[in-house]
Amino acid sequence: MHKSKLVFTLLLSLVTSIGIAEDMSFLLTTSPNQRAESQTRFMKNKLGLSDETTSKVQAINLEYAGKVEPILKGSSMGIIKKHDIEQIQEQKDMALQSILTPQQFDSYNNSKDELTEALKKDLAH
């Protein structure tokens, strides 16, 4: 009984790692600058950012895209990469929260799935 639980857990980990790797695969062929530009463009349009705020958002997006780069290109398993990237994303969100209005930040938080899809579409070509 214990052995079957271990096998199930290992299989679940493998499937999860494969799914995470597929989710992040589109990022591997892009530069931090490309990712930051795409994110900033989406956020400017979605949140109606002023030029001044857009410049600040661009700087934050570029800084954190650079922090994610070694994780994306590293050899860690997908689930570990996802965890590490989520920690960096939390830091990035705190930085963004300090410059966005509460309404803009809520809209940003509520549109993260939309942002991911826009990035995939924008960076796929």
N, C-alpha and C. Protein backbone atom coordinates (compact mmCIF):
# COMPACT_ATOMS: atom_id res chain seq x y z
N MET A 1 0.83 -1.20 0.00
CA MET A 1 0.00 0.00 0.00
C MET A 1 0.88 1.26 0.00
N HIS A 2 1.89 1.29 0.85
CA HIS A 2 2.78 2.44 0.93
C HIS A 2 3.52 2.66 -0.39
N LYS A 3 3.92 1.58 -1.02
CA LYS A 3 4.65 1.66 -2.29
C LYS A 3 3.79 2.27 -3.39
N SER A 4 2.52 1.94 -3.43
CA SER A 4 1.64 2.50 -4.46
C SER A 4 1.42 4.00 -4.25
N LYS A 5 1.38 4.44 -3.01
CA LYS A 5 1.25 5.88 -2.74
C LYS A 5 2.49 6.62 -3.22
N LEU A 6 3.66 6.01 -3.01
CA LEU A 6 4.90 6.62 -3.45
C LEU A 6 4.95 6.73 -4.97
N VAL A 7 4.56 5.67 -5.64
CA VAL A 7 4.53 5.67 -7.11
C VAL A 7 3.55 6.74 -7.60
N PHE A 8 2.38 6.81 -6.99
CA PHE A 8 1.38 7.81 -7.38
C PHE A 8 1.93 9.22 -7.19
N THR A 9 2.59 9.46 -6.06
CA THR A 9 3.15 10.78 -5.78
C THR A 9 4.23 11.14 -6.80
N LEU A 10 5.08 10.19 -7.13
CA LEU A 10 6.12 10.45 -8.12
C LEU A 10 5.53 10.74 -9.49
N LEU A 11 4.51 9.99 -9.89
CA LEU A 11 3.86 10.23 -11.18
C LEU A 11 3.19 11.60 -11.20
N LEU A 12 2.52 11.95 -10.11
CA LEU A 12 1.88 13.25 -10.01
C LEU A 12 2.91 14.37 -10.13
N SER A 13 4.05 14.21 -9.47
CA SER A 13 5.12 15.21 -9.55
C SER A 13 5.64 15.35 -10.98
N LEU A 14 5.80 14.23 -11.66
CA LEU A 14 6.28 14.25 -13.04
C LEU A 14 5.30 14.97 -13.95
N VAL A 15 4.02 14.62 -13.84
CA VAL A 15 2.98 15.25 -14.66
C VAL A 15 2.91 16.74 -14.37
N THR A 16 2.99 17.11 -13.10
CA THR A 16 2.95 18.52 -12.71
C THR A 16 4.15 19.26 -13.29
N SER A 17 5.33 18.65 -13.20
CA SER A 17 6.54 19.29 -13.73
C SER A 17 6.45 19.48 -15.24
N ILE A 18 5.93 18.49 -15.95
CA ILE A 18 5.76 18.61 -17.39
C ILE A 18 4.79 19.74 -17.73
N GLY A 19 3.68 19.82 -17.01
CA GLY A 19 2.70 20.88 -17.25
C GLY A 19 3.27 22.26 -17.00
N ILE A 20 4.04 22.39 -15.93
CA ILE A 20 4.66 23.67 -15.61
C ILE A 20 5.67 24.04 -16.68
N ALA A 21 6.47 23.06 -17.11
CA ALA A 21 7.47 23.33 -18.16
C ALA A 21 6.80 23.79 -19.45
N GLU A 22 5.67 23.19 -19.79
CA GLU A 22 4.95 23.61 -20.99
C GLU A 22 4.41 25.02 -20.84
N ASP A 23 3.92 25.36 -19.64
CA ASP A 23 3.40 26.71 -19.40
C ASP A 23 4.48 27.77 -19.55
N MET A 24 5.72 27.44 -19.18
CA MET A 24 6.80 28.41 -19.21
C MET A 24 7.62 28.35 -20.49
N SER A 25 7.39 27.36 -21.32
CA SER A 25 8.25 27.15 -22.48
C SER A 25 8.28 28.34 -23.42
N PHE A 26 7.18 29.06 -23.57
CA PHE A 26 7.17 30.21 -24.48
C PHE A 26 8.11 31.32 -24.00
N LEU A 27 8.46 31.32 -22.73
CA LEU A 27 9.34 32.36 -22.19
C LEU A 27 10.80 32.09 -22.50
N LEU A 28 11.14 30.85 -22.78
CA LEU A 28 12.54 30.46 -22.95
C LEU A 28 13.20 31.08 -24.18
N THR A 29 12.42 31.44 -25.16
CA THR A 29 12.98 31.99 -26.40
C THR A 29 12.92 33.52 -26.44
N THR A 30 12.61 34.11 -25.31
CA THR A 30 12.49 35.57 -25.25
C THR A 30 13.52 36.15 -24.29
N SER A 31 13.81 37.42 -24.47
CA SER A 31 14.75 38.11 -23.58
C SER A 31 13.96 38.81 -22.47
N PRO A 32 14.63 39.12 -21.37
CA PRO A 32 13.96 39.89 -20.32
C PRO A 32 13.37 41.21 -20.86
N ASN A 33 14.10 41.85 -21.77
CA ASN A 33 13.62 43.11 -22.34
C ASN A 33 12.32 42.90 -23.12
N GLN A 34 12.26 41.83 -23.91
CA GLN A 34 11.03 41.54 -24.68
C GLN A 34 9.85 41.29 -23.74
N ARG A 35 10.09 40.52 -22.69
CA ARG A 35 9.02 40.21 -21.74
C ARG A 35 8.55 41.48 -21.01
N ALA A 36 9.51 42.31 -20.60
CA ALA A 36 9.17 43.54 -19.88
C ALA A 36 8.38 44.49 -20.79
N GLU A 37 8.81 44.62 -22.04
CA GLU A 37 8.09 45.50 -22.98
C GLU A 37 6.67 45.02 -23.21
N SER A 38 6.50 43.72 -23.38
CA SER A 38 5.17 43.17 -23.61
C SER A 38 4.27 43.37 -22.40
N GLN A 39 4.81 43.10 -21.22
CA GLN A 39 4.04 43.30 -19.99
C GLN A 39 3.64 44.76 -19.82
N THR A 40 4.58 45.64 -20.06
CA THR A 40 4.32 47.07 -19.89
C THR A 40 3.26 47.55 -20.88
N ARG A 41 3.37 47.11 -22.11
CA ARG A 41 2.38 47.49 -23.13
C ARG A 41 0.98 47.04 -22.70
N PHE A 42 0.87 45.80 -22.24
CA PHE A 42 -0.42 45.28 -21.79
C PHE A 42 -0.94 46.12 -20.62
N MET A 43 -0.07 46.36 -19.64
CA MET A 43 -0.50 47.09 -18.44
C MET A 43 -0.89 48.53 -18.76
N LYS A 44 -0.15 49.17 -19.66
CA LYS A 44 -0.47 50.56 -20.03
C LYS A 44 -1.88 50.62 -20.62
N ASN A 45 -2.16 49.69 -21.53
CA ASN A 45 -3.48 49.68 -22.17
C ASN A 45 -4.58 49.25 -21.20
N LYS A 46 -4.33 48.23 -20.42
CA LYS A 46 -5.34 47.68 -19.52
C LYS A 46 -5.65 48.61 -18.36
N LEU A 47 -4.60 49.25 -17.83
CA LEU A 47 -4.77 50.04 -16.61
C LEU A 47 -4.85 51.54 -16.87
N GLY A 48 -4.65 51.96 -18.12
CA GLY A 48 -4.70 53.38 -18.44
C GLY A 48 -3.62 54.17 -17.73
N LEU A 49 -2.39 53.68 -17.80
CA LEU A 49 -1.28 54.30 -17.08
C LEU A 49 -0.85 55.61 -17.73
N SER A 50 -0.46 56.55 -16.89
CA SER A 50 0.13 57.80 -17.39
C SER A 50 1.54 57.49 -17.90
N ASP A 51 2.11 58.44 -18.63
CA ASP A 51 3.48 58.24 -19.14
C ASP A 51 4.47 58.06 -18.00
N GLU A 52 4.31 58.84 -16.94
CA GLU A 52 5.22 58.74 -15.79
C GLU A 52 5.11 57.36 -15.12
N THR A 53 3.88 56.91 -14.90
CA THR A 53 3.68 55.60 -14.27
C THR A 53 4.15 54.49 -15.20
N THR A 54 3.93 54.65 -16.50
CA THR A 54 4.38 53.64 -17.46
C THR A 54 5.90 53.48 -17.39
N SER A 55 6.63 54.57 -17.25
CA SER A 55 8.09 54.50 -17.13
C SER A 55 8.50 53.73 -15.88
N LYS A 56 7.81 53.97 -14.79
CA LYS A 56 8.12 53.26 -13.55
C LYS A 56 7.77 51.78 -13.67
N VAL A 57 6.63 51.48 -14.27
CA VAL A 57 6.22 50.09 -14.47
C VAL A 57 7.21 49.37 -15.38
N GLN A 58 7.66 50.05 -16.43
CA GLN A 58 8.65 49.47 -17.34
C GLN A 58 9.92 49.09 -16.58
N ALA A 59 10.38 49.97 -15.72
CA ALA A 59 11.60 49.71 -14.95
C ALA A 59 11.42 48.50 -14.02
N ILE A 60 10.27 48.43 -13.38
CA ILE A 60 9.99 47.30 -12.49
C ILE A 60 9.89 46.01 -13.29
N ASN A 61 9.16 46.05 -14.41
CA ASN A 61 9.01 44.85 -15.23
C ASN A 61 10.37 44.36 -15.73
N LEU A 62 11.23 45.28 -16.13
CA LEU A 62 12.56 44.90 -16.62
C LEU A 62 13.42 44.33 -15.49
N GLU A 63 13.37 44.96 -14.34
CA GLU A 63 14.15 44.47 -13.20
C GLU A 63 13.77 43.03 -12.85
N TYR A 64 12.48 42.78 -12.76
CA TYR A 64 12.04 41.45 -12.33
C TYR A 64 12.11 40.42 -13.45
N ALA A 65 12.01 40.85 -14.70
CA ALA A 65 12.24 39.91 -15.81
C ALA A 65 13.70 39.45 -15.78
N GLY A 66 14.59 40.35 -15.42
CA GLY A 66 16.00 39.99 -15.28
C GLY A 66 16.23 39.02 -14.13
N LYS A 67 15.50 39.18 -13.05
CA LYS A 67 15.64 38.27 -11.90
C LYS A 67 15.10 36.87 -12.23
N VAL A 68 14.11 36.81 -13.11
CA VAL A 68 13.51 35.53 -13.48
C VAL A 68 14.37 34.79 -14.50
N GLU A 69 15.14 35.52 -15.28
CA GLU A 69 15.92 34.93 -16.38
C GLU A 69 16.78 33.74 -15.97
N PRO A 70 17.60 33.83 -14.91
CA PRO A 70 18.42 32.67 -14.57
C PRO A 70 17.60 31.47 -14.10
N ILE A 71 16.44 31.73 -13.55
CA ILE A 71 15.57 30.63 -13.13
C ILE A 71 14.99 29.94 -14.35
N LEU A 72 14.51 30.72 -15.32
CA LEU A 72 13.96 30.15 -16.55
C LEU A 72 14.98 29.30 -17.28
N LYS A 73 16.20 29.80 -17.37
CA LYS A 73 17.24 29.13 -18.14
C LYS A 73 17.98 28.07 -17.31
N GLY A 74 17.68 28.00 -16.00
CA GLY A 74 18.36 27.06 -15.12
C GLY A 74 17.90 25.63 -15.32
N SER A 75 18.54 24.74 -14.61
CA SER A 75 18.27 23.31 -14.79
C SER A 75 17.35 22.73 -13.72
N SER A 76 16.78 23.55 -12.87
CA SER A 76 15.87 23.06 -11.84
C SER A 76 14.62 22.44 -12.46
N MET A 77 14.00 21.56 -11.70
CA MET A 77 12.74 20.95 -12.15
C MET A 77 11.67 22.03 -12.25
N GLY A 78 10.68 21.77 -13.09
CA GLY A 78 9.62 22.74 -13.34
C GLY A 78 8.92 23.24 -12.10
N ILE A 79 8.62 22.35 -11.18
CA ILE A 79 7.89 22.76 -9.99
C ILE A 79 8.73 23.68 -9.11
N ILE A 80 10.04 23.45 -9.09
CA ILE A 80 10.94 24.32 -8.33
C ILE A 80 11.04 25.67 -9.01
N LYS A 81 11.14 25.67 -10.34
CA LYS A 81 11.17 26.93 -11.09
C LYS A 81 9.91 27.73 -10.81
N LYS A 82 8.77 27.06 -10.86
CA LYS A 82 7.51 27.76 -10.64
C LYS A 82 7.49 28.39 -9.26
N HIS A 83 7.93 27.66 -8.26
CA HIS A 83 7.96 28.19 -6.89
C HIS A 83 8.87 29.42 -6.80
N ASP A 84 10.07 29.31 -7.38
CA ASP A 84 11.01 30.43 -7.35
C ASP A 84 10.48 31.65 -8.08
N ILE A 85 9.84 31.42 -9.22
CA ILE A 85 9.26 32.52 -9.99
C ILE A 85 8.10 33.15 -9.23
N GLU A 86 7.30 32.34 -8.55
CA GLU A 86 6.19 32.89 -7.76
C GLU A 86 6.71 33.80 -6.65
N GLN A 87 7.84 33.43 -6.04
CA GLN A 87 8.41 34.29 -4.99
C GLN A 87 8.86 35.64 -5.58
N ILE A 88 9.48 35.60 -6.74
CA ILE A 88 9.90 36.84 -7.39
C ILE A 88 8.67 37.66 -7.79
N GLN A 89 7.62 36.99 -8.26
CA GLN A 89 6.39 37.68 -8.64
C GLN A 89 5.76 38.40 -7.44
N GLU A 90 5.83 37.79 -6.26
CA GLU A 90 5.31 38.45 -5.06
C GLU A 90 6.09 39.73 -4.77
N GLN A 91 7.40 39.68 -4.93
CA GLN A 91 8.22 40.88 -4.73
C GLN A 91 7.87 41.95 -5.76
N LYS A 92 7.69 41.52 -7.00
CA LYS A 92 7.34 42.45 -8.07
C LYS A 92 5.98 43.09 -7.78
N ASP A 93 5.03 42.29 -7.33
CA ASP A 93 3.71 42.83 -7.01
C ASP A 93 3.79 43.89 -5.93
N MET A 94 4.65 43.69 -4.94
CA MET A 94 4.81 44.69 -3.88
C MET A 94 5.38 45.99 -4.47
N ALA A 95 6.32 45.86 -5.39
CA ALA A 95 6.90 47.06 -6.03
C ALA A 95 5.84 47.78 -6.86
N LEU A 96 5.05 47.01 -7.61
CA LEU A 96 3.99 47.62 -8.42
C LEU A 96 2.92 48.27 -7.56
N GLN A 97 2.60 47.64 -6.45
CA GLN A 97 1.57 48.18 -5.57
C GLN A 97 1.97 49.56 -5.04
N SER A 98 3.28 49.80 -4.92
CA SER A 98 3.73 51.09 -4.39
C SER A 98 3.60 52.23 -5.40
N ILE A 99 3.41 51.89 -6.70
CA ILE A 99 3.31 52.97 -7.69
C ILE A 99 1.94 53.03 -8.38
N LEU A 100 1.19 51.95 -8.33
CA LEU A 100 -0.14 51.94 -8.95
C LEU A 100 -1.18 52.43 -7.96
N THR A 101 -2.26 53.00 -8.46
CA THR A 101 -3.37 53.34 -7.58
C THR A 101 -4.01 52.04 -7.10
N PRO A 102 -4.76 52.08 -6.00
CA PRO A 102 -5.42 50.85 -5.55
C PRO A 102 -6.32 50.23 -6.63
N GLN A 103 -7.01 51.06 -7.40
CA GLN A 103 -7.87 50.54 -8.47
C GLN A 103 -7.04 49.88 -9.57
N GLN A 104 -5.94 50.51 -9.94
CA GLN A 104 -5.07 49.94 -10.96
C GLN A 104 -4.46 48.62 -10.50
N PHE A 105 -4.05 48.57 -9.23
CA PHE A 105 -3.45 47.35 -8.72
C PHE A 105 -4.48 46.22 -8.66
N ASP A 106 -5.70 46.52 -8.25
CA ASP A 106 -6.76 45.51 -8.25
C ASP A 106 -7.02 45.00 -9.66
N SER A 107 -7.08 45.91 -10.61
CA SER A 107 -7.30 45.52 -12.00
C SER A 107 -6.15 44.66 -12.51
N TYR A 108 -4.94 45.03 -12.16
CA TYR A 108 -3.75 44.25 -12.53
C TYR A 108 -3.84 42.85 -11.94
N ASN A 109 -4.15 42.77 -10.64
CA ASN A 109 -4.27 41.46 -9.98
C ASN A 109 -5.35 40.60 -10.63
N ASN A 110 -6.45 41.21 -10.98
CA ASN A 110 -7.57 40.47 -11.56
C ASN A 110 -7.34 40.08 -13.02
N SER A 111 -6.32 40.65 -13.64
CA SER A 111 -6.10 40.37 -15.06
C SER A 111 -4.80 39.61 -15.31
N LYS A 112 -4.26 38.94 -14.31
CA LYS A 112 -2.98 38.22 -14.49
C LYS A 112 -3.10 37.09 -15.50
N ASP A 113 -4.21 36.38 -15.51
CA ASP A 113 -4.38 35.31 -16.51
C ASP A 113 -4.44 35.92 -17.91
N GLU A 114 -5.13 37.03 -18.02
CA GLU A 114 -5.22 37.74 -19.30
C GLU A 114 -3.83 38.23 -19.74
N LEU A 115 -3.05 38.71 -18.78
CA LEU A 115 -1.68 39.16 -19.07
C LEU A 115 -0.84 38.00 -19.58
N THR A 116 -0.95 36.84 -18.95
CA THR A 116 -0.19 35.67 -19.39
C THR A 116 -0.56 35.29 -20.82
N GLU A 117 -1.84 35.29 -21.12
CA GLU A 117 -2.29 34.95 -22.48
C GLU A 117 -1.82 35.99 -23.49
N ALA A 118 -1.85 37.26 -23.09
CA ALA A 118 -1.37 38.32 -23.99
C ALA A 118 0.13 38.17 -24.24
N LEU A 119 0.88 37.81 -23.20
CA LEU A 119 2.31 37.58 -23.37
C LEU A 119 2.57 36.43 -24.33
N LYS A 120 1.86 35.34 -24.14
CA LYS A 120 2.02 34.18 -25.03
C LYS A 120 1.77 34.58 -26.47
N LYS A 121 0.70 35.32 -26.70
CA LYS A 121 0.35 35.74 -28.05
C LYS A 121 1.38 36.72 -28.61
N ASP A 122 1.77 37.69 -27.79
CA ASP A 122 2.68 38.73 -28.23
C ASP A 122 4.08 38.19 -28.49
N LEU A 123 4.53 37.24 -27.67
CA LEU A 123 5.91 36.76 -27.76
C LEU A 123 6.05 35.51 -28.61
N ALA A 124 4.95 35.00 -29.12
CA ALA A 124 4.99 33.74 -29.89
C ALA A 124 5.63 33.92 -31.27
N HIS A 125 5.61 35.10 -31.80
CA HIS A 125 6.14 35.28 -33.16
C HIS A 125 7.56 35.71 -33.19
